[in-house]
Amino acid sequence: MPLYKTIHPNSQTTVKIWKITESYEDLMKQVNLKPVALERVLGMKSKLHQRGFLSVRHLLQEFGYTDADLFYDNNGKPHLKDGKQISITHSFEFSAVIISDLIVGIDVEKQRDKISIIAHKFLDYELDYVDEDSADYIKKLTVIWCVKESLYKLFATPGLSFKKHCLVVPFSLDENNTVAWVDYRDNKCRYNIQFFEFEGFTCAYAIA
């Protein structure tokens, strides 16, 4: 399938989402990978992960980039050679890329009941307002996870904890936005977060 959705949060930022319906073979035919990327994708044991990896390269092409324009630093944070900021995510049949002049982070996650099993690992302050008996409990947990994951990618600092250092203020699923904080060592930073749902998935992105 071609591009699923394009969003322009501001004049400096674009989000593109891909729905992965193509086979691994079809995705591979239409991209040129540098040797290290080819070695990485060939070494993946899961076809799902391979297709996610390749769909991100298709998204790069939608932005006018190639795999050769992308590199990763020692913390695993992706960068573009032209200095633009980038963040990448994929989950099951969806992948997303955000590119901006500003520092950004993005995450897409499938809404699944199993997230409740690990909720204690990433919730702290949020326990004050998340009701596990509510009908939207799983959706709210998924939003919080996506927000914290997007902050983690944006901040890209070893030692940052979802539970200890990332805080998501109360929000309504209808409003599609919230505020989050990173409080880590000497840094206390406030971020405006956008999130939305589609086809049983949640996407959140943070822009510094």
C-alpha atoms as a PDB file:
ATOM      1  CA  MET A   1       0.000   0.000   0.000  1.00  0.00           C
ATOM      2  CA  PRO A   2       1.232   3.521  -0.638  1.00  0.00           C
ATOM      3  CA  LEU A   3       1.468   6.224   1.988  1.00  0.00           C
ATOM      4  CA  TYR A   4      -1.309   5.918   4.606  1.00  0.00           C
ATOM      5  CA  LYS A   5      -1.322   9.393   6.161  1.00  0.00           C
ATOM      6  CA  THR A   6       0.624  12.664   6.134  1.00  0.00           C
ATOM      7  CA  ILE A   7       0.382  15.229   8.937  1.00  0.00           C
ATOM      8  CA  HIS A   8       1.906  18.702   9.162  1.00  0.00           C
ATOM      9  CA  PRO A   9       1.955  19.652  12.876  1.00  0.00           C
ATOM     10  CA  ASN A  10       3.669  22.949  12.022  1.00  0.00           C
ATOM     11  CA  SER A  11       5.526  24.599   9.163  1.00  0.00           C
ATOM     12  CA  GLN A  12       8.788  22.909  10.195  1.00  0.00           C
ATOM     13  CA  THR A  13       7.531  19.380  10.829  1.00  0.00           C
ATOM     14  CA  THR A  14       6.008  16.523   8.821  1.00  0.00           C
ATOM     15  CA  VAL A  15       4.763  13.099   9.944  1.00  0.00           C
ATOM     16  CA  LYS A  16       4.256  10.285   7.436  1.00  0.00           C
ATOM     17  CA  ILE A  17       2.661   6.904   8.201  1.00  0.00           C
ATOM     18  CA  TRP A  18       2.879   3.766   6.075  1.00  0.00           C
ATOM     19  CA  LYS A  19       0.511   0.782   6.218  1.00  0.00           C
ATOM     20  CA  ILE A  20       2.591  -2.305   5.522  1.00  0.00           C
ATOM     21  CA  THR A  21       0.590  -4.509   3.168  1.00  0.00           C
ATOM     22  CA  GLU A  22       3.451  -5.389   0.810  1.00  0.00           C
ATOM     23  CA  SER A  23       5.489  -8.571   1.022  1.00  0.00           C
ATOM     24  CA  TYR A  24       9.109  -8.498   2.137  1.00  0.00           C
ATOM     25  CA  GLU A  25      10.146  -9.251  -1.447  1.00  0.00           C
ATOM     26  CA  ASP A  26       8.139  -6.373  -2.928  1.00  0.00           C
ATOM     27  CA  LEU A  27       9.424  -3.912  -0.331  1.00  0.00           C
ATOM     28  CA  MET A  28      13.003  -5.018  -0.928  1.00  0.00           C
ATOM     29  CA  LYS A  29      12.744  -4.528  -4.700  1.00  0.00           C
ATOM     30  CA  GLN A  30      12.010  -0.832  -4.406  1.00  0.00           C
ATOM     31  CA  VAL A  31      14.766   0.371  -2.061  1.00  0.00           C
ATOM     32  CA  ASN A  32      18.528   0.750  -2.263  1.00  0.00           C
ATOM     33  CA  LEU A  33      20.229  -0.154   1.011  1.00  0.00           C
ATOM     34  CA  LYS A  34      23.749   0.645   2.076  1.00  0.00           C
ATOM     35  CA  PRO A  35      25.775  -2.476   3.012  1.00  0.00           C
ATOM     36  CA  VAL A  36      25.333  -2.116   6.784  1.00  0.00           C
ATOM     37  CA  ALA A  37      21.540  -1.749   6.411  1.00  0.00           C
ATOM     38  CA  LEU A  38      21.335  -4.702   4.035  1.00  0.00           C
ATOM     39  CA  GLU A  39      23.308  -6.845   6.478  1.00  0.00           C
ATOM     40  CA  ARG A  40      20.986  -5.761   9.277  1.00  0.00           C
ATOM     41  CA  VAL A  41      17.743  -6.566   7.457  1.00  0.00           C
ATOM     42  CA  LEU A  42      19.027  -9.902   6.180  1.00  0.00           C
ATOM     43  CA  GLY A  43      19.978 -10.820   9.743  1.00  0.00           C
ATOM     44  CA  MET A  44      16.483 -10.263  11.105  1.00  0.00           C
ATOM     45  CA  LYS A  45      14.677 -13.497  11.956  1.00  0.00           C
ATOM     46  CA  SER A  46      11.180 -12.003  11.771  1.00  0.00           C
ATOM     47  CA  LYS A  47       9.537 -11.140   8.448  1.00  0.00           C
ATOM     48  CA  LEU A  48       7.446  -8.617  10.374  1.00  0.00           C
ATOM     49  CA  HIS A  49      10.568  -6.787  11.547  1.00  0.00           C
ATOM     50  CA  GLN A  50      12.094  -6.967   8.081  1.00  0.00           C
ATOM     51  CA  ARG A  51       8.977  -5.442   6.525  1.00  0.00           C
ATOM     52  CA  GLY A  52       8.889  -2.739   9.197  1.00  0.00           C
ATOM     53  CA  PHE A  53      12.524  -1.869   8.557  1.00  0.00           C
ATOM     54  CA  LEU A  54      11.999  -1.689   4.797  1.00  0.00           C
ATOM     55  CA  SER A  55       8.770   0.317   5.067  1.00  0.00           C
ATOM     56  CA  VAL A  56      10.712   2.988   6.958  1.00  0.00           C
ATOM     57  CA  ARG A  57      13.066   3.216   3.969  1.00  0.00           C
ATOM     58  CA  HIS A  58      10.024   3.712   1.743  1.00  0.00           C
ATOM     59  CA  LEU A  59       8.896   6.523   4.028  1.00  0.00           C
ATOM     60  CA  LEU A  60      12.338   8.097   3.721  1.00  0.00           C
ATOM     61  CA  GLN A  61      11.858   8.049  -0.050  1.00  0.00           C
ATOM     62  CA  GLU A  62       8.503   9.794   0.395  1.00  0.00           C
ATOM     63  CA  PHE A  63      10.449  12.591   2.127  1.00  0.00           C
ATOM     64  CA  GLY A  64      13.014  12.654  -0.675  1.00  0.00           C
ATOM     65  CA  TYR A  65      15.758  10.812   1.243  1.00  0.00           C
ATOM     66  CA  THR A  66      17.516   7.486   0.728  1.00  0.00           C
ATOM     67  CA  ASP A  67      18.891   4.963   3.171  1.00  0.00           C
ATOM     68  CA  ALA A  68      22.333   6.486   2.571  1.00  0.00           C
ATOM     69  CA  ASP A  69      21.091   9.761   4.120  1.00  0.00           C
ATOM     70  CA  LEU A  70      20.316   8.047   7.438  1.00  0.00           C
ATOM     71  CA  PHE A  71      22.773   7.189  10.201  1.00  0.00           C
ATOM     72  CA  TYR A  72      22.659   6.368  13.920  1.00  0.00           C
ATOM     73  CA  ASP A  73      24.720   7.733  16.807  1.00  0.00           C
ATOM     74  CA  ASN A  74      26.179   5.745  19.708  1.00  0.00           C
ATOM     75  CA  ASN A  75      22.892   6.007  21.621  1.00  0.00           C
ATOM     76  CA  GLY A  76      20.934   4.539  18.714  1.00  0.00           C
ATOM     77  CA  LYS A  77      19.310   7.849  17.803  1.00  0.00           C
ATOM     78  CA  PRO A  78      18.749   8.294  14.064  1.00  0.00           C
ATOM     79  CA  HIS A  79      20.064  11.349  12.218  1.00  0.00           C
ATOM     80  CA  LEU A  80      19.923  12.717   8.694  1.00  0.00           C
ATOM     81  CA  LYS A  81      23.059  13.922   6.926  1.00  0.00           C
ATOM     82  CA  ASP A  82      21.492  17.284   6.067  1.00  0.00           C
ATOM     83  CA  GLY A  83      20.989  18.084   9.767  1.00  0.00           C
ATOM     84  CA  LYS A  84      17.206  17.694   9.849  1.00  0.00           C
ATOM     85  CA  GLN A  85      15.824  15.979  12.960  1.00  0.00           C
ATOM     86  CA  ILE A  86      14.199  12.554  12.548  1.00  0.00           C
ATOM     87  CA  SER A  87      12.449   9.918  14.640  1.00  0.00           C
ATOM     88  CA  ILE A  88      11.299   6.472  13.484  1.00  0.00           C
ATOM     89  CA  THR A  89       8.826   3.867  14.710  1.00  0.00           C
ATOM     90  CA  HIS A  90       7.064   0.727  13.529  1.00  0.00           C
ATOM     91  CA  SER A  91       4.565  -1.636  15.117  1.00  0.00           C
ATOM     92  CA  PHE A  92       3.037  -4.639  13.355  1.00  0.00           C
ATOM     93  CA  GLU A  93       1.560  -3.340  10.070  1.00  0.00           C
ATOM     94  CA  PHE A  94       2.277   0.353  10.564  1.00  0.00           C
ATOM     95  CA  SER A  95       5.440   2.451  10.473  1.00  0.00           C
ATOM     96  CA  ALA A  96       5.934   6.184  10.891  1.00  0.00           C
ATOM     97  CA  VAL A  97       8.635   8.798  10.428  1.00  0.00           C
ATOM     98  CA  ILE A  98       8.675  12.377  11.692  1.00  0.00           C
ATOM     99  CA  ILE A  99      11.145  14.903  10.225  1.00  0.00           C
ATOM    100  CA  SER A 100      11.569  18.453  11.484  1.00  0.00           C
ATOM    101  CA  ASP A 101      13.882  21.391  11.990  1.00  0.00           C
ATOM    102  CA  LEU A 102      13.090  20.849  15.696  1.00  0.00           C
ATOM    103  CA  ILE A 103      14.043  17.935  17.936  1.00  0.00           C
ATOM    104  CA  VAL A 104      11.314  15.286  17.719  1.00  0.00           C
ATOM    105  CA  GLY A 105      10.244  11.857  18.910  1.00  0.00           C
ATOM    106  CA  ILE A 106       7.474   9.549  17.663  1.00  0.00           C
ATOM    107  CA  ASP A 107       5.957   6.206  18.590  1.00  0.00           C
ATOM    108  CA  VAL A 108       3.226   3.955  17.198  1.00  0.00           C
ATOM    109  CA  GLU A 109       1.846   1.049  19.218  1.00  0.00           C
ATOM    110  CA  LYS A 110      -0.927  -1.474  18.732  1.00  0.00           C
ATOM    111  CA  GLN A 111      -3.603  -1.266  21.423  1.00  0.00           C
ATOM    112  CA  ARG A 112      -3.379  -4.607  23.252  1.00  0.00           C
ATOM    113  CA  ASP A 113      -4.654  -5.835  26.606  1.00  0.00           C
ATOM    114  CA  LYS A 114      -1.211  -7.175  27.499  1.00  0.00           C
ATOM    115  CA  ILE A 115       0.026  -3.605  28.115  1.00  0.00           C
ATOM    116  CA  SER A 116      -1.806  -3.765  31.464  1.00  0.00           C
ATOM    117  CA  ILE A 117       0.636  -6.456  32.593  1.00  0.00           C
ATOM    118  CA  ILE A 118       3.593  -4.075  32.333  1.00  0.00           C
ATOM    119  CA  ALA A 119       1.744  -0.911  33.408  1.00  0.00           C
ATOM    120  CA  HIS A 120       3.522  -0.918  36.779  1.00  0.00           C
ATOM    121  CA  LYS A 121       6.837  -0.583  34.961  1.00  0.00           C
ATOM    122  CA  PHE A 122       6.060   2.733  33.291  1.00  0.00           C
ATOM    123  CA  LEU A 123       3.311   4.385  35.375  1.00  0.00           C
ATOM    124  CA  ASP A 124       4.009   6.489  38.449  1.00  0.00           C
ATOM    125  CA  TYR A 125       2.301   9.883  38.706  1.00  0.00           C
ATOM    126  CA  GLU A 126      -0.216   8.688  36.104  1.00  0.00           C
ATOM    127  CA  LEU A 127      -1.645   6.162  38.584  1.00  0.00           C
ATOM    128  CA  ASP A 128      -3.458   9.096  40.205  1.00  0.00           C
ATOM    129  CA  TYR A 129      -5.770   9.525  37.226  1.00  0.00           C
ATOM    130  CA  VAL A 130      -5.807   6.264  35.247  1.00  0.00           C
ATOM    131  CA  ASP A 131      -8.705   4.018  36.286  1.00  0.00           C
ATOM    132  CA  GLU A 132      -8.109   0.356  35.510  1.00  0.00           C
ATOM    133  CA  ASP A 133     -11.848  -0.300  35.668  1.00  0.00           C
ATOM    134  CA  SER A 134     -12.702   2.244  32.989  1.00  0.00           C
ATOM    135  CA  ALA A 135     -13.669   1.206  29.463  1.00  0.00           C
ATOM    136  CA  ASP A 136     -10.809   3.218  27.955  1.00  0.00           C
ATOM    137  CA  TYR A 137      -8.101   1.875  30.292  1.00  0.00           C
ATOM    138  CA  ILE A 138      -6.096   0.077  27.566  1.00  0.00           C
ATOM    139  CA  LYS A 139      -6.334   3.038  25.212  1.00  0.00           C
ATOM    140  CA  LYS A 140      -5.105   5.428  27.910  1.00  0.00           C
ATOM    141  CA  LEU A 141      -2.240   3.116  28.861  1.00  0.00           C
ATOM    142  CA  THR A 142      -1.235   2.942  25.203  1.00  0.00           C
ATOM    143  CA  VAL A 143      -1.265   6.727  24.895  1.00  0.00           C
ATOM    144  CA  ILE A 144       0.914   7.094  27.993  1.00  0.00           C
ATOM    145  CA  TRP A 145       3.354   4.472  26.706  1.00  0.00           C
ATOM    146  CA  CYS A 146       3.545   6.166  23.288  1.00  0.00           C
ATOM    147  CA  VAL A 147       4.085   9.581  24.878  1.00  0.00           C
ATOM    148  CA  LYS A 148       6.887   8.308  27.095  1.00  0.00           C
ATOM    149  CA  GLU A 149       8.478   6.392  24.234  1.00  0.00           C
ATOM    150  CA  SER A 150       8.416   9.502  22.042  1.00  0.00           C
ATOM    151  CA  LEU A 151      10.044  11.495  24.856  1.00  0.00           C
ATOM    152  CA  TYR A 152      12.658   8.781  25.314  1.00  0.00           C
ATOM    153  CA  LYS A 153      13.522   8.969  21.618  1.00  0.00           C
ATOM    154  CA  LEU A 154      13.572  12.766  21.646  1.00  0.00           C
ATOM    155  CA  PHE A 155      15.726  13.008  24.769  1.00  0.00           C
ATOM    156  CA  ALA A 156      18.058  10.157  23.726  1.00  0.00           C
ATOM    157  CA  THR A 157      19.920  10.085  27.029  1.00  0.00           C
ATOM    158  CA  PRO A 158      21.184   6.859  28.633  1.00  0.00           C
ATOM    159  CA  GLY A 159      19.619   6.232  32.029  1.00  0.00           C
ATOM    160  CA  LEU A 160      16.317   7.985  31.311  1.00  0.00           C
ATOM    161  CA  SER A 161      13.456   6.035  32.905  1.00  0.00           C
ATOM    162  CA  PHE A 162       9.863   5.971  31.670  1.00  0.00           C
ATOM    163  CA  LYS A 163       8.628   5.585  35.241  1.00  0.00           C
ATOM    164  CA  LYS A 164      10.983   7.839  37.175  1.00  0.00           C
ATOM    165  CA  HIS A 165      11.739  10.664  34.768  1.00  0.00           C
ATOM    166  CA  CYS A 166       8.783  10.993  32.349  1.00  0.00           C
ATOM    167  CA  LEU A 167       5.443  12.404  33.482  1.00  0.00           C
ATOM    168  CA  VAL A 168       2.227  12.681  31.467  1.00  0.00           C
ATOM    169  CA  VAL A 169      -0.429  15.071  32.783  1.00  0.00           C
ATOM    170  CA  PRO A 170      -4.125  14.055  32.759  1.00  0.00           C
ATOM    171  CA  PHE A 171      -5.690  14.043  29.306  1.00  0.00           C
ATOM    172  CA  SER A 172      -8.874  13.252  27.412  1.00  0.00           C
ATOM    173  CA  LEU A 173      -8.814  10.815  24.500  1.00  0.00           C
ATOM    174  CA  ASP A 174     -11.162  13.175  22.655  1.00  0.00           C
ATOM    175  CA  GLU A 175      -8.729  16.092  22.751  1.00  0.00           C
ATOM    176  CA  ASN A 176      -5.791  14.279  21.119  1.00  0.00           C
ATOM    177  CA  ASN A 177      -3.185  16.314  22.970  1.00  0.00           C
ATOM    178  CA  THR A 178      -1.532  16.522  26.355  1.00  0.00           C
ATOM    179  CA  VAL A 179       1.495  17.907  28.144  1.00  0.00           C
ATOM    180  CA  ALA A 180       4.411  15.836  29.360  1.00  0.00           C
ATOM    181  CA  TRP A 181       7.554  16.513  31.343  1.00  0.00           C
ATOM    182  CA  VAL A 182      11.014  15.033  31.454  1.00  0.00           C
ATOM    183  CA  ASP A 183      12.654  15.580  34.839  1.00  0.00           C
ATOM    184  CA  TYR A 184      16.127  14.084  34.662  1.00  0.00           C
ATOM    185  CA  ARG A 185      19.205  15.226  36.545  1.00  0.00           C
ATOM    186  CA  ASP A 186      19.573  18.955  35.841  1.00  0.00           C
ATOM    187  CA  ASN A 187      16.995  18.967  33.047  1.00  0.00           C
ATOM    188  CA  LYS A 188      13.319  19.713  33.561  1.00  0.00           C
ATOM    189  CA  CYS A 189      11.626  20.096  30.190  1.00  0.00           C
ATOM    190  CA  ARG A 190       7.984  20.566  29.213  1.00  0.00           C
ATOM    191  CA  TYR A 191       6.611  19.191  25.947  1.00  0.00           C
ATOM    192  CA  ASN A 192       3.345  19.567  24.091  1.00  0.00           C
ATOM    193  CA  ILE A 193       2.263  16.156  22.821  1.00  0.00           C
ATOM    194  CA  GLN A 194      -0.110  15.228  20.024  1.00  0.00           C
ATOM    195  CA  PHE A 195      -1.658  11.781  19.792  1.00  0.00           C
ATOM    196  CA  PHE A 196      -4.364  10.040  17.757  1.00  0.00           C
ATOM    197  CA  GLU A 197      -5.857   6.599  17.142  1.00  0.00           C
ATOM    198  CA  PHE A 198      -6.321   4.681  13.889  1.00  0.00           C
ATOM    199  CA  GLU A 199      -7.252   1.073  13.113  1.00  0.00           C
ATOM    200  CA  GLY A 200      -6.599  -0.123  16.667  1.00  0.00           C
ATOM    201  CA  PHE A 201      -3.250   1.678  16.936  1.00  0.00           C
ATOM    202  CA  THR A 202      -2.089   4.786  18.792  1.00  0.00           C
ATOM    203  CA  CYS A 203       0.480   7.295  17.572  1.00  0.00           C
ATOM    204  CA  ALA A 204       2.042  10.040  19.697  1.00  0.00           C
ATOM    205  CA  TYR A 205       4.730  12.550  18.827  1.00  0.00           C
ATOM    206  CA  ALA A 206       6.686  15.108  20.803  1.00  0.00           C
ATOM    207  CA  ILE A 207       8.242  18.260  19.373  1.00  0.00           C
ATOM    208  CA  ALA A 208      10.779  20.259  21.371  1.00  0.00           C
END
